[in-house]
Protein backbone atom coordinates (compact mmCIF):
# COMPACT_ATOMS: atom_id res chain seq x y z
CA THR A 1 -15.08 -27.59 -8.56
CA HIS A 2 -13.46 -24.30 -7.56
CA VAL A 3 -10.76 -23.12 -9.97
CA ALA A 4 -8.49 -20.11 -9.46
CA VAL A 5 -5.56 -18.73 -11.43
CA THR A 6 -3.13 -16.13 -10.11
CA MET A 7 -0.65 -14.19 -12.28
CA ASP A 8 1.84 -11.59 -11.01
CA GLY A 9 3.92 -11.05 -14.16
CA ARG A 10 6.52 -13.60 -13.07
CA GLN A 11 4.61 -16.66 -11.88
CA GLY A 12 1.28 -18.27 -12.67
CA ILE A 13 -0.41 -20.71 -10.31
CA LEU A 14 -3.46 -22.85 -10.96
CA TYR A 15 -5.51 -23.79 -7.88
CA VAL A 16 -8.23 -26.45 -7.82
CA ASN A 17 -10.43 -26.58 -4.72
CA GLY A 18 -7.91 -24.51 -2.80
CA HIS A 19 -4.82 -26.56 -3.72
CA ALA A 20 -2.06 -25.57 -6.13
CA VAL A 21 -1.96 -28.15 -8.92
CA ALA A 22 0.29 -26.38 -11.45
CA VAL A 23 2.95 -23.65 -11.34
CA ASN A 24 4.55 -21.78 -14.22
CA ASN A 25 7.58 -19.72 -13.24
CA SER A 26 8.05 -18.21 -16.71
CA ILE A 27 5.04 -15.91 -16.80
CA ASN A 28 6.12 -12.52 -18.15
CA LEU A 29 2.70 -11.19 -19.04
CA LEU A 30 0.03 -9.43 -17.00
CA PRO A 31 -3.64 -9.46 -18.00
CA SER A 32 -3.42 -5.69 -18.39
CA ASP A 33 -0.75 -6.17 -21.07
CA THR A 34 -3.17 -7.85 -23.48
CA GLY A 35 -5.02 -4.63 -24.34
CA ALA A 36 -8.57 -4.49 -25.65
CA THR A 37 -9.11 -8.18 -26.29
CA LYS A 38 -12.44 -10.00 -26.29
CA ASN A 39 -12.36 -12.76 -23.69
CA ASN A 40 -14.99 -15.44 -23.23
CA PHE A 41 -15.86 -17.86 -20.46
CA GLY A 42 -16.36 -21.38 -21.80
CA LYS A 43 -15.38 -20.43 -25.34
CA SER A 44 -11.99 -20.19 -27.05
CA GLN A 45 -10.77 -17.36 -29.27
CA PHE A 46 -10.62 -19.95 -32.06
CA SER A 47 -13.79 -21.30 -33.66
CA ALA A 48 -12.27 -24.78 -34.12
CA ASP A 49 -12.05 -25.28 -30.34
CA ALA A 50 -14.92 -26.90 -28.49
CA TYR A 51 -17.11 -25.07 -26.00
CA PHE A 52 -16.71 -25.82 -22.30
CA ASN A 53 -18.84 -28.86 -21.50
CA GLY A 54 -20.26 -27.81 -18.14
CA GLN A 55 -21.65 -24.89 -16.17
CA LEU A 56 -19.97 -21.78 -14.79
CA ASP A 57 -21.11 -19.53 -11.99
CA SER A 58 -19.74 -16.91 -9.61
CA VAL A 59 -16.87 -15.68 -11.74
CA LYS A 60 -14.62 -13.23 -9.86
CA ILE A 61 -11.85 -11.07 -11.32
CA ASN A 62 -9.43 -9.26 -9.01
CA SER A 63 -7.17 -6.32 -9.80
CA ARG A 64 -4.22 -7.78 -7.88
CA THR A 65 -2.67 -11.19 -7.24
CA LEU A 66 -4.35 -12.93 -4.29
CA SER A 67 -2.62 -15.22 -1.82
CA ILE A 68 -4.00 -18.71 -1.25
CA GLY A 69 -5.30 -17.49 2.10
CA GLU A 70 -7.26 -14.74 0.38
CA ILE A 71 -8.55 -17.14 -2.28
CA THR A 72 -9.91 -19.63 0.26
CA ALA A 73 -11.08 -17.09 2.86
CA PRO A 74 -14.82 -16.68 3.42
CA THR A 75 -16.59 -13.67 1.96
CA LEU A 76 -18.70 -11.70 4.42
CA SER A 77 -20.53 -8.43 4.80
CA ILE A 78 -22.42 -6.66 7.55
CA THR A 79 -25.81 -5.78 6.09
CA GLN A 80 -27.03 -3.97 9.21
CA PRO A 81 -26.29 -1.37 10.41
CA THR A 82 -25.66 0.19 7.03
CA ALA A 83 -23.00 2.83 6.39
CA GLY A 84 -24.09 6.19 7.72
CA THR A 85 -26.40 4.79 10.42
CA LEU A 86 -26.45 7.03 13.52
CA TYR A 87 -27.41 6.00 17.04
CA SER A 88 -29.21 7.79 19.87
CA GLY A 89 -29.43 6.84 23.51
CA GLY A 90 -32.32 4.47 24.15
CA ASN A 91 -32.29 3.04 20.60
CA ASN A 92 -32.17 -0.65 19.74
CA LEU A 93 -29.45 -1.04 17.12
CA ALA A 94 -30.15 -3.92 14.72
CA PHE A 95 -27.24 -5.93 13.34
CA ALA A 96 -27.12 -8.60 10.64
CA GLY A 97 -24.60 -10.22 8.34
CA VAL A 98 -24.18 -12.72 5.53
CA ALA A 99 -21.20 -14.91 4.66
CA THR A 100 -20.21 -17.55 2.13
CA ASP A 101 -17.23 -19.88 1.86
CA TYR A 102 -14.76 -19.61 -1.03
CA SER A 103 -17.05 -21.69 -3.25
CA ASP A 104 -19.95 -19.28 -2.53
CA ALA A 105 -21.88 -21.70 -0.31
CA LEU A 106 -23.80 -19.85 2.41
CA LEU A 107 -22.30 -20.31 5.87
CA ALA A 108 -24.54 -21.48 8.70
CA PRO A 109 -25.18 -19.33 11.80
CA ALA A 110 -22.63 -21.43 13.72
CA ALA A 111 -19.91 -19.78 11.63
CA PHE A 112 -20.70 -16.28 12.97
CA ALA A 113 -19.15 -14.53 15.97
CA TRP A 114 -20.12 -10.95 16.89
CA ALA A 115 -18.49 -8.54 19.31
CA GLY A 116 -19.22 -4.88 20.06
CA GLU A 117 -16.99 -2.12 21.40
CA PHE A 118 -17.72 1.34 22.75
CA HIS A 119 -15.04 3.88 21.87
CA HIS A 120 -14.85 7.13 23.86
CA ASP A 121 -12.07 9.72 23.98
CA GLY A 122 -9.34 7.24 23.06
CA PHE A 123 -10.60 4.46 25.35
CA THR A 124 -12.30 1.23 24.31
CA ASP A 125 -14.79 -0.75 26.41
CA PRO A 126 -16.33 -4.12 25.46
CA PHE A 127 -20.04 -3.74 24.87
CA LEU A 128 -21.49 -6.81 23.15
CA GLY A 129 -20.58 -10.48 23.13
CA PRO A 130 -18.79 -12.37 22.01
CA LEU A 131 -22.10 -13.56 20.57
CA ILE A 132 -21.71 -16.82 18.64
CA GLY A 133 -24.10 -18.75 16.43
CA VAL A 134 -26.45 -16.00 15.20
CA THR A 135 -26.59 -14.06 11.94
CA ASN A 136 -28.59 -11.13 13.34
CA GLY A 137 -29.91 -9.50 16.47
CA THR A 138 -30.28 -6.19 18.29
CA MET A 139 -28.22 -4.39 20.89
CA PRO A 140 -29.75 -1.74 23.18
CA ILE A 141 -27.98 1.62 23.37
CA PRO A 142 -27.91 2.95 26.96
CA THR A 143 -29.05 6.45 27.89
CA THR A 144 -26.12 7.00 30.25
CA GLY A 145 -22.44 7.39 29.51
CA PRO A 146 -19.70 9.94 28.87
CA ALA A 147 -20.83 13.48 28.13
CA SER A 148 -18.31 13.68 25.27
CA THR A 149 -19.37 13.58 21.62
CA ASN A 150 -16.05 11.89 20.70
CA VAL A 151 -17.73 8.48 20.90
CA PHE A 152 -18.88 5.67 18.60
CA TYR A 153 -19.82 1.98 18.62
CA ARG A 154 -17.83 -0.57 16.60
CA LEU A 155 -19.51 -3.83 15.62
CA ASN A 156 -17.11 -6.65 14.70
CA LEU A 157 -18.04 -9.79 12.77
CA ARG A 158 -15.76 -12.82 12.37
CA VAL A 159 -16.77 -15.90 10.38
CA THR A 160 -15.11 -19.31 10.29
CA ASP A 161 -15.91 -21.83 7.57
CA THR A 162 -15.92 -25.62 7.97
CA ASN A 163 -12.25 -25.79 6.94
CA GLY A 164 -11.22 -23.35 9.66
CA ASN A 165 -10.64 -20.44 7.29
CA GLN A 166 -11.52 -17.11 8.88
CA GLU A 167 -12.32 -13.61 7.75
CA SER A 168 -13.51 -10.55 9.68
CA THR A 169 -14.95 -7.10 9.13
CA PHE A 170 -16.45 -4.28 11.17
CA VAL A 171 -18.73 -1.27 10.94
CA ASP A 172 -18.63 1.92 13.03
CA VAL A 173 -21.85 3.61 14.17
CA LEU A 174 -21.50 7.29 15.04
CA PRO A 175 -23.78 9.22 17.40
CA ARG A 176 -26.57 11.57 16.43
CA ILE A 177 -25.51 14.98 17.71
CA GLY A 178 -27.84 17.68 19.02
CA ALA A 179 -27.59 20.90 20.99
CA LEU A 180 -28.65 21.63 24.56
CA ASN A 181 -29.65 25.29 24.76
CA LEU A 182 -29.48 26.53 28.35
CA ALA A 183 -31.13 29.76 29.52
CA THR A 184 -32.06 31.53 32.76
CA VAL A 185 -34.41 34.34 33.64
CA PRO A 186 -32.81 36.81 33.96
CA PRO A 187 -29.83 35.97 31.71
CA GLY A 188 -26.36 35.70 33.22
CA LEU A 189 -27.09 33.26 36.04
CA GLN A 190 -25.19 30.02 36.64
CA LEU A 191 -26.29 26.50 35.81
CA SER A 192 -24.60 23.16 36.41
CA LEU A 193 -24.64 20.52 33.63
CA ASP A 194 -23.33 17.14 34.81
CA GLY A 195 -21.45 18.99 37.56
CA SER A 196 -19.82 21.47 35.19
CA GLY A 197 -20.60 25.14 35.71
CA GLN A 198 -22.19 27.09 32.85
CA ILE A 199 -23.18 30.76 32.50
CA ALA A 200 -26.52 31.07 30.70
CA PRO A 201 -27.42 31.56 27.96
CA THR A 202 -25.17 28.96 26.35
CA SER A 203 -25.34 25.98 24.02
CA VAL A 204 -23.67 22.60 24.55
CA VAL A 205 -23.32 19.88 21.88
CA ALA A 206 -24.53 16.49 23.09
CA VAL A 207 -25.30 12.95 21.97
CA ALA A 208 -29.05 12.68 21.39
CA GLY A 209 -31.08 10.56 23.76
CA MET A 210 -28.62 10.65 26.66
CA THR A 211 -29.79 11.47 30.17
CA ARG A 212 -28.04 14.58 31.54
CA SER A 213 -28.07 16.16 34.99
CA LEU A 214 -29.06 19.84 35.13
CA SER A 215 -29.20 21.98 38.27
CA ALA A 216 -28.92 25.62 39.40
CA PRO A 217 -26.86 26.72 42.41
CA ALA A 218 -28.96 28.74 44.86
CA PRO A 219 -29.01 31.40 45.99
CA GLN A 220 -27.21 33.46 43.34
CA SER A 221 -26.49 37.18 43.29
CA LEU A 222 -26.72 39.19 40.09
CA ALA A 223 -26.77 43.00 39.77
CA GLY A 224 -27.52 43.43 43.47
CA SER A 225 -30.40 40.93 43.57
CA ASN A 226 -30.54 37.38 44.96
CA TYR A 227 -32.10 34.56 42.91
CA ASN A 228 -33.29 31.06 43.70
CA PHE A 229 -34.12 28.35 41.21
CA VAL A 230 -37.85 27.62 40.85
């Protein structure tokens, strides 16, 4: 049996298995108003009262009043990739998640739906899925794409329990950034990186693992001499 009580300082509602069974509209007390009071689960403040004749598990206390939708919504988390994970081109990015219904029963793989997005310079492209019916997997990161470092992957997870209640979350995976150091002999000659002209020596920030196109216009003149790339 799932029991929930909400109190907002004006109204108290008792829910049993997701249904409101009692309402008190004269609540003028918040839990925070009671001060430093010892509270027990399954035991009264008064020794004459009997103990609770049953078992309790998965007790949750919230710092605000939840709606019925929030009370009955599934609980989920993305366990992979973890916060702070960085990607490089050519990597296989592992993803995994876990979810329970409002009574803390584990949800089956059929409840899971994954989708991935690639964000770059204010644009969003679909990347993965929707992938339904799995709790984990991998997605390959390509080695080609925009030269910008203003990019990241967003992995979305939505779960639906057997009663149709849904909840969703996401995690962003940022790129690992490196530097491309470009040089010529002698210094001062031109190079072309992905079609963009550069005067060497120079350094360009880049997403690690990405394939880039480097060339040198020829011939070039510098200080009265002509140079070809070799």
